Amino acid sequence: RSDHACTLVTTKNGPGVMVAGGNNFKLQRKALDSVFLLDLGTEKWYPAGNLNDGRENFGLVVLGKRVMVIGRMSQFTYGSKGKKLTGEESVEEYVVPCTSLSECIPSQEGVWNLTDRVVNRWSSFSVVSAAASRFNCTG
């Protein structure tokens, strides 16, 4: 897997790492939509749903109690100048069966919901985590 995104998350069991998207061109010619959660306490991987759109070179971020993927929908055309993004760069949110991911055990799989937000950018970006209270954000 390459060109994927990952972020640190907290579950009821403690810290974990969520890994999403990317590609594995040895297996397929399109971006991956799979998401997995590594429980750092047990070192066991759990499925964490599938993105609505396969993605590569995108952001995966925890915003307060929310987990979101940002940008790089995998609608590419391939030509003499390489690949070109042809779809909008959308945002998806991970919805868990608990009040928040920190109240779920890693095996409680959520679903990814496409939001009505679109990211407009010309090139790469970075996501930096900040406390929600820093910006007076809630829920």
N, C-alpha and C. Protein backbone atom coordinates (compact mmCIF):
# COMPACT_ATOMS: atom_id res chain seq x y z
N ARG A 1 0.87 -1.17 0.00
CA ARG A 1 0.00 0.00 0.00
C ARG A 1 0.91 1.23 0.00
N SER A 2 0.64 2.15 -0.93
CA SER A 2 1.37 3.41 -0.95
C SER A 2 0.37 4.54 -1.22
N ASP A 3 0.82 5.77 -1.04
CA ASP A 3 -0.02 6.96 -1.24
C ASP A 3 -1.28 6.93 -0.39
N HIS A 4 -1.21 6.27 0.78
CA HIS A 4 -2.33 6.16 1.70
C HIS A 4 -2.25 7.27 2.75
N ALA A 5 -3.21 7.30 3.66
CA ALA A 5 -3.20 8.26 4.76
C ALA A 5 -3.36 7.49 6.06
N CYS A 6 -2.82 8.03 7.14
CA CYS A 6 -2.99 7.40 8.45
C CYS A 6 -3.04 8.48 9.51
N THR A 7 -3.66 8.13 10.64
CA THR A 7 -3.75 9.05 11.76
C THR A 7 -3.86 8.27 13.05
N LEU A 8 -3.42 8.88 14.13
CA LEU A 8 -3.58 8.28 15.46
C LEU A 8 -5.00 8.52 15.93
N VAL A 9 -5.62 7.48 16.50
CA VAL A 9 -6.99 7.58 17.02
C VAL A 9 -7.00 6.98 18.43
N THR A 10 -8.07 7.24 19.15
CA THR A 10 -8.25 6.65 20.47
C THR A 10 -9.56 5.87 20.48
N THR A 11 -9.49 4.60 20.89
CA THR A 11 -10.68 3.76 21.03
C THR A 11 -10.86 3.45 22.51
N LYS A 12 -11.91 2.71 22.82
CA LYS A 12 -12.15 2.31 24.21
C LYS A 12 -10.98 1.49 24.76
N ASN A 13 -10.28 0.76 23.88
CA ASN A 13 -9.12 -0.05 24.28
C ASN A 13 -7.85 0.77 24.43
N GLY A 14 -7.84 2.01 23.97
CA GLY A 14 -6.65 2.85 24.02
C GLY A 14 -6.24 3.34 22.65
N PRO A 15 -4.95 3.67 22.47
CA PRO A 15 -4.50 4.25 21.20
C PRO A 15 -4.50 3.25 20.06
N GLY A 16 -4.69 3.80 18.85
CA GLY A 16 -4.67 2.99 17.64
C GLY A 16 -4.23 3.83 16.46
N VAL A 17 -4.04 3.18 15.33
CA VAL A 17 -3.69 3.86 14.09
C VAL A 17 -4.72 3.47 13.04
N MET A 18 -5.31 4.47 12.39
CA MET A 18 -6.24 4.22 11.31
C MET A 18 -5.50 4.46 9.99
N VAL A 19 -5.62 3.51 9.05
CA VAL A 19 -4.96 3.59 7.75
C VAL A 19 -6.04 3.48 6.68
N ALA A 20 -6.01 4.40 5.70
CA ALA A 20 -7.06 4.44 4.69
C ALA A 20 -6.49 4.63 3.29
N GLY A 21 -7.22 4.07 2.31
CA GLY A 21 -6.96 4.33 0.91
C GLY A 21 -5.58 3.97 0.44
N GLY A 22 -5.10 4.73 -0.55
CA GLY A 22 -3.81 4.49 -1.16
C GLY A 22 -3.97 3.62 -2.40
N ASN A 23 -2.88 3.00 -2.79
CA ASN A 23 -2.97 2.11 -3.95
C ASN A 23 -2.03 0.93 -3.79
N ASN A 24 -2.32 -0.08 -4.54
CA ASN A 24 -1.47 -1.26 -4.65
C ASN A 24 -1.61 -1.72 -6.09
N PHE A 25 -0.85 -1.07 -6.98
CA PHE A 25 -1.01 -1.34 -8.40
C PHE A 25 -0.59 -2.76 -8.80
N LYS A 26 0.03 -3.50 -7.88
CA LYS A 26 0.31 -4.91 -8.16
C LYS A 26 -0.99 -5.71 -8.18
N LEU A 27 -2.00 -5.22 -7.43
CA LEU A 27 -3.28 -5.93 -7.36
C LEU A 27 -4.36 -5.31 -8.21
N GLN A 28 -4.38 -3.98 -8.33
CA GLN A 28 -5.45 -3.32 -9.09
C GLN A 28 -4.97 -1.96 -9.58
N ARG A 29 -5.63 -1.43 -10.61
CA ARG A 29 -5.23 -0.17 -11.23
C ARG A 29 -6.00 1.03 -10.70
N LYS A 30 -6.73 0.88 -9.61
CA LYS A 30 -7.45 2.03 -9.07
C LYS A 30 -7.13 2.19 -7.59
N ALA A 31 -7.43 3.36 -7.07
CA ALA A 31 -7.13 3.64 -5.67
C ALA A 31 -7.98 2.76 -4.76
N LEU A 32 -7.43 2.42 -3.59
CA LEU A 32 -8.12 1.58 -2.62
C LEU A 32 -9.15 2.38 -1.83
N ASP A 33 -10.25 1.70 -1.47
CA ASP A 33 -11.26 2.34 -0.63
C ASP A 33 -11.29 1.72 0.77
N SER A 34 -10.42 0.77 1.04
CA SER A 34 -10.43 0.08 2.33
C SER A 34 -9.80 0.92 3.43
N VAL A 35 -10.31 0.70 4.66
CA VAL A 35 -9.81 1.39 5.85
C VAL A 35 -9.63 0.34 6.95
N PHE A 36 -8.51 0.43 7.67
CA PHE A 36 -8.24 -0.51 8.75
C PHE A 36 -7.79 0.24 9.98
N LEU A 37 -8.06 -0.37 11.15
CA LEU A 37 -7.69 0.21 12.43
C LEU A 37 -6.76 -0.77 13.15
N LEU A 38 -5.58 -0.31 13.52
CA LEU A 38 -4.63 -1.12 14.27
C LEU A 38 -4.76 -0.78 15.74
N ASP A 39 -5.13 -1.77 16.55
CA ASP A 39 -5.18 -1.60 18.00
C ASP A 39 -3.74 -1.75 18.49
N LEU A 40 -3.16 -0.66 18.98
CA LEU A 40 -1.75 -0.70 19.38
C LEU A 40 -1.50 -1.57 20.61
N GLY A 41 -2.53 -1.78 21.44
CA GLY A 41 -2.37 -2.62 22.62
C GLY A 41 -2.25 -4.10 22.28
N THR A 42 -3.03 -4.55 21.30
CA THR A 42 -3.02 -5.97 20.93
C THR A 42 -2.24 -6.23 19.63
N GLU A 43 -1.90 -5.15 18.92
CA GLU A 43 -1.26 -5.24 17.61
C GLU A 43 -2.10 -6.05 16.63
N LYS A 44 -3.41 -5.91 16.72
CA LYS A 44 -4.34 -6.60 15.84
C LYS A 44 -5.05 -5.59 14.94
N TRP A 45 -5.21 -5.97 13.66
CA TRP A 45 -5.89 -5.11 12.68
C TRP A 45 -7.38 -5.41 12.64
N TYR A 46 -8.20 -4.37 12.50
CA TYR A 46 -9.65 -4.51 12.37
C TYR A 46 -10.13 -3.71 11.16
N PRO A 47 -11.13 -4.23 10.43
CA PRO A 47 -11.69 -3.43 9.34
C PRO A 47 -12.41 -2.21 9.91
N ALA A 48 -12.30 -1.10 9.22
CA ALA A 48 -12.96 0.14 9.65
C ALA A 48 -13.77 0.73 8.50
N GLY A 49 -14.51 -0.12 7.82
CA GLY A 49 -15.38 0.33 6.73
C GLY A 49 -14.65 0.54 5.42
N ASN A 50 -15.42 0.95 4.42
CA ASN A 50 -14.87 1.28 3.10
C ASN A 50 -15.29 2.69 2.74
N LEU A 51 -14.34 3.44 2.20
CA LEU A 51 -14.65 4.79 1.73
C LEU A 51 -15.62 4.70 0.56
N ASN A 52 -16.41 5.74 0.37
CA ASN A 52 -17.31 5.80 -0.78
C ASN A 52 -16.54 5.95 -2.08
N ASP A 53 -15.37 6.57 -1.99
CA ASP A 53 -14.50 6.78 -3.14
C ASP A 53 -13.11 6.29 -2.80
N GLY A 54 -12.51 5.46 -3.68
CA GLY A 54 -11.12 5.11 -3.49
C GLY A 54 -10.29 6.40 -3.55
N ARG A 55 -9.25 6.50 -2.75
CA ARG A 55 -8.47 7.74 -2.68
C ARG A 55 -6.98 7.44 -2.57
N GLU A 56 -6.19 8.37 -3.07
CA GLU A 56 -4.75 8.34 -2.85
C GLU A 56 -4.27 9.78 -2.75
N ASN A 57 -3.17 9.99 -2.02
CA ASN A 57 -2.63 11.34 -1.80
C ASN A 57 -3.68 12.28 -1.21
N PHE A 58 -4.21 11.93 -0.07
CA PHE A 58 -5.29 12.69 0.57
C PHE A 58 -4.99 12.82 2.05
N GLY A 59 -5.87 13.48 2.80
CA GLY A 59 -5.68 13.64 4.23
C GLY A 59 -6.66 12.79 5.03
N LEU A 60 -6.22 12.29 6.16
CA LEU A 60 -7.05 11.58 7.13
C LEU A 60 -6.79 12.26 8.46
N VAL A 61 -7.82 12.79 9.10
CA VAL A 61 -7.62 13.64 10.26
C VAL A 61 -8.68 13.41 11.32
N VAL A 62 -8.28 13.58 12.58
CA VAL A 62 -9.20 13.56 13.69
C VAL A 62 -9.49 15.02 14.05
N LEU A 63 -10.76 15.40 14.00
CA LEU A 63 -11.20 16.75 14.35
C LEU A 63 -12.11 16.64 15.56
N GLY A 64 -11.58 16.86 16.74
CA GLY A 64 -12.36 16.66 17.96
C GLY A 64 -12.65 15.18 18.12
N LYS A 65 -13.93 14.80 18.06
CA LYS A 65 -14.32 13.39 18.14
C LYS A 65 -14.67 12.81 16.78
N ARG A 66 -14.39 13.56 15.72
CA ARG A 66 -14.73 13.14 14.37
C ARG A 66 -13.47 12.72 13.61
N VAL A 67 -13.62 11.69 12.75
CA VAL A 67 -12.54 11.24 11.88
C VAL A 67 -13.00 11.49 10.45
N MET A 68 -12.17 12.17 9.66
CA MET A 68 -12.58 12.53 8.30
C MET A 68 -11.45 12.29 7.31
N VAL A 69 -11.82 11.96 6.07
CA VAL A 69 -10.88 11.95 4.95
C VAL A 69 -11.18 13.19 4.13
N ILE A 70 -10.11 13.79 3.62
CA ILE A 70 -10.24 15.06 2.93
C ILE A 70 -9.50 14.99 1.60
N GLY A 71 -10.23 15.16 0.50
CA GLY A 71 -9.63 15.32 -0.82
C GLY A 71 -9.28 14.05 -1.56
N ARG A 72 -8.79 14.25 -2.77
CA ARG A 72 -8.26 13.25 -3.71
C ARG A 72 -9.13 12.05 -4.00
N MET A 73 -10.30 12.32 -4.53
CA MET A 73 -11.15 11.25 -5.03
C MET A 73 -10.45 10.59 -6.21
N SER A 74 -10.60 9.31 -6.38
CA SER A 74 -9.83 8.58 -7.39
C SER A 74 -10.53 8.48 -8.73
N GLN A 75 -10.86 9.59 -9.30
CA GLN A 75 -11.35 9.56 -10.68
C GLN A 75 -10.25 10.14 -11.54
N PHE A 76 -9.38 9.26 -12.01
CA PHE A 76 -8.22 9.69 -12.78
C PHE A 76 -8.37 9.28 -14.23
N THR A 77 -7.80 10.08 -15.12
CA THR A 77 -7.64 9.66 -16.50
C THR A 77 -6.14 9.50 -16.71
N TYR A 78 -5.76 8.55 -17.51
CA TYR A 78 -4.36 8.29 -17.78
C TYR A 78 -4.09 8.64 -19.23
N GLY A 79 -3.07 9.43 -19.45
CA GLY A 79 -2.71 9.83 -20.81
C GLY A 79 -1.21 9.96 -20.94
N SER A 80 -0.79 10.61 -22.02
CA SER A 80 0.64 10.76 -22.28
C SER A 80 1.33 11.62 -21.23
N LYS A 81 0.58 12.46 -20.53
CA LYS A 81 1.16 13.33 -19.51
C LYS A 81 0.98 12.77 -18.10
N GLY A 82 0.68 11.49 -17.97
CA GLY A 82 0.48 10.87 -16.67
C GLY A 82 -0.98 10.90 -16.27
N LYS A 83 -1.25 10.79 -14.97
CA LYS A 83 -2.64 10.74 -14.54
C LYS A 83 -3.13 12.13 -14.15
N LYS A 84 -4.41 12.37 -14.40
CA LYS A 84 -5.02 13.66 -14.11
C LYS A 84 -6.30 13.42 -13.33
N LEU A 85 -6.47 14.17 -12.24
CA LEU A 85 -7.67 14.06 -11.41
C LEU A 85 -8.85 14.66 -12.17
N THR A 86 -9.93 13.90 -12.30
CA THR A 86 -11.09 14.41 -13.03
C THR A 86 -12.31 14.59 -12.14
N GLY A 87 -12.29 14.08 -10.90
CA GLY A 87 -13.43 14.21 -9.99
C GLY A 87 -13.19 15.30 -8.97
N GLU A 88 -14.27 15.70 -8.28
CA GLU A 88 -14.14 16.67 -7.20
C GLU A 88 -13.44 16.03 -6.01
N GLU A 89 -12.78 16.83 -5.22
CA GLU A 89 -12.10 16.34 -4.03
C GLU A 89 -13.07 16.46 -2.86
N SER A 90 -13.66 15.34 -2.48
CA SER A 90 -14.73 15.33 -1.49
C SER A 90 -14.22 15.05 -0.09
N VAL A 91 -15.14 15.14 0.88
CA VAL A 91 -14.85 14.89 2.28
C VAL A 91 -15.80 13.80 2.78
N GLU A 92 -15.26 12.81 3.50
CA GLU A 92 -16.08 11.76 4.10
C GLU A 92 -15.83 11.73 5.60
N GLU A 93 -16.88 11.37 6.36
CA GLU A 93 -16.77 11.29 7.82
C GLU A 93 -17.06 9.86 8.27
N TYR A 94 -16.26 9.37 9.24
CA TYR A 94 -16.43 8.04 9.80
C TYR A 94 -17.47 8.10 10.91
N VAL A 95 -18.55 7.34 10.74
CA VAL A 95 -19.64 7.30 11.73
C VAL A 95 -19.62 5.94 12.40
N VAL A 96 -19.45 5.94 13.73
CA VAL A 96 -19.34 4.70 14.50
C VAL A 96 -20.65 4.40 15.21
N PRO A 97 -20.86 3.13 15.61
CA PRO A 97 -22.11 2.76 16.29
C PRO A 97 -22.17 3.20 17.76
N CYS A 98 -21.17 3.94 18.22
CA CYS A 98 -21.12 4.45 19.60
C CYS A 98 -21.26 5.98 19.55
N THR A 99 -21.25 6.60 20.70
CA THR A 99 -21.31 8.06 20.74
C THR A 99 -20.10 8.68 20.05
N SER A 100 -18.93 8.05 20.21
CA SER A 100 -17.70 8.50 19.54
C SER A 100 -16.76 7.30 19.40
N LEU A 101 -15.73 7.45 18.58
CA LEU A 101 -14.77 6.37 18.38
C LEU A 101 -14.10 5.99 19.70
N SER A 102 -13.87 6.96 20.57
CA SER A 102 -13.19 6.68 21.84
C SER A 102 -14.05 5.83 22.78
N GLU A 103 -15.33 5.67 22.47
CA GLU A 103 -16.22 4.83 23.28
C GLU A 103 -16.49 3.47 22.64
N CYS A 104 -15.91 3.23 21.46
CA CYS A 104 -16.08 1.95 20.75
C CYS A 104 -14.84 1.09 20.95
N ILE A 105 -15.05 -0.23 20.94
CA ILE A 105 -13.90 -1.13 20.87
C ILE A 105 -13.53 -1.26 19.39
N PRO A 106 -12.28 -1.56 19.08
CA PRO A 106 -11.84 -1.57 17.67
C PRO A 106 -12.65 -2.47 16.74
N SER A 107 -13.25 -3.54 17.25
CA SER A 107 -14.01 -4.44 16.38
C SER A 107 -15.40 -3.89 16.02
N GLN A 108 -15.81 -2.77 16.63
CA GLN A 108 -17.10 -2.16 16.29
C GLN A 108 -16.90 -1.26 15.07
N GLU A 109 -17.18 -1.83 13.90
CA GLU A 109 -16.92 -1.15 12.63
C GLU A 109 -17.96 -0.07 12.34
N GLY A 110 -17.49 1.06 11.86
CA GLY A 110 -18.37 2.15 11.47
C GLY A 110 -18.55 2.19 9.96
N VAL A 111 -19.18 3.26 9.49
CA VAL A 111 -19.38 3.47 8.05
C VAL A 111 -18.88 4.86 7.69
N TRP A 112 -18.48 5.04 6.44
CA TRP A 112 -18.01 6.33 5.94
C TRP A 112 -19.15 7.01 5.19
N ASN A 113 -19.49 8.21 5.63
CA ASN A 113 -20.55 8.99 4.98
C ASN A 113 -19.94 10.13 4.19
N LEU A 114 -20.34 10.24 2.93
CA LEU A 114 -19.91 11.33 2.08
C LEU A 114 -20.62 12.60 2.54
N THR A 115 -19.87 13.68 2.74
CA THR A 115 -20.48 14.94 3.17
C THR A 115 -20.74 15.81 1.93
N ASP A 116 -21.34 16.95 2.15
CA ASP A 116 -21.58 17.87 1.03
C ASP A 116 -20.43 18.86 0.85
N ARG A 117 -19.32 18.63 1.53
CA ARG A 117 -18.17 19.52 1.42
C ARG A 117 -17.25 19.07 0.28
N VAL A 118 -16.63 20.05 -0.37
CA VAL A 118 -15.67 19.78 -1.44
C VAL A 118 -14.42 20.59 -1.16
N VAL A 119 -13.25 19.97 -1.35
CA VAL A 119 -11.97 20.64 -1.14
C VAL A 119 -11.48 21.13 -2.49
N ASN A 120 -11.09 22.39 -2.56
CA ASN A 120 -10.50 22.95 -3.78
C ASN A 120 -9.05 23.30 -3.51
N ARG A 121 -8.14 22.59 -4.15
CA ARG A 121 -6.72 22.86 -3.97
C ARG A 121 -6.00 22.53 -5.27
N TRP A 122 -4.83 23.08 -5.42
CA TRP A 122 -4.06 22.87 -6.64
C TRP A 122 -2.99 21.81 -6.48
N SER A 123 -2.53 21.60 -5.26
CA SER A 123 -1.47 20.61 -5.06
C SER A 123 -1.58 20.01 -3.68
N SER A 124 -0.52 19.46 -3.16
CA SER A 124 -0.53 18.77 -1.87
C SER A 124 -0.91 19.69 -0.72
N PHE A 125 -1.30 19.08 0.38
CA PHE A 125 -1.59 19.83 1.58
C PHE A 125 -1.18 19.01 2.78
N SER A 126 -1.09 19.67 3.93
CA SER A 126 -0.79 19.00 5.19
C SER A 126 -1.91 19.30 6.16
N VAL A 127 -2.18 18.36 7.03
CA VAL A 127 -3.18 18.53 8.07
C VAL A 127 -2.46 18.47 9.40
N VAL A 128 -2.70 19.46 10.24
CA VAL A 128 -2.07 19.52 11.55
C VAL A 128 -3.16 19.41 12.61
N SER A 129 -3.01 18.49 13.54
CA SER A 129 -3.99 18.33 14.60
C SER A 129 -3.90 19.49 15.59
N ALA A 130 -5.05 19.94 16.06
CA ALA A 130 -5.11 20.97 17.08
C ALA A 130 -6.30 20.65 17.97
N ALA A 131 -6.19 20.99 19.22
CA ALA A 131 -7.30 20.74 20.15
C ALA A 131 -8.54 21.50 19.70
N ALA A 132 -9.70 20.83 19.73
CA ALA A 132 -10.95 21.49 19.32
C ALA A 132 -11.23 22.72 20.16
N SER A 133 -10.85 22.68 21.45
CA SER A 133 -11.08 23.80 22.32
C SER A 133 -10.29 25.03 21.90
N ARG A 134 -9.20 24.82 21.18
CA ARG A 134 -8.36 25.94 20.69
C ARG A 134 -9.16 26.85 19.76
N PHE A 135 -10.13 26.28 19.06
CA PHE A 135 -10.91 27.04 18.09
C PHE A 135 -12.37 27.14 18.52
N ASN A 136 -12.65 26.85 19.79
CA ASN A 136 -14.01 26.93 20.34
C ASN A 136 -14.95 26.01 19.55
N CYS A 137 -14.48 24.83 19.16
CA CYS A 137 -15.28 23.87 18.40
C CYS A 137 -15.92 22.85 19.35
N THR A 138 -17.10 22.41 19.01
CA THR A 138 -17.75 21.33 19.74
C THR A 138 -18.36 20.37 18.74
N GLY A 139 -18.53 19.08 19.16
CA GLY A 139 -19.19 18.04 18.37
C GLY A 139 -18.96 18.17 16.98
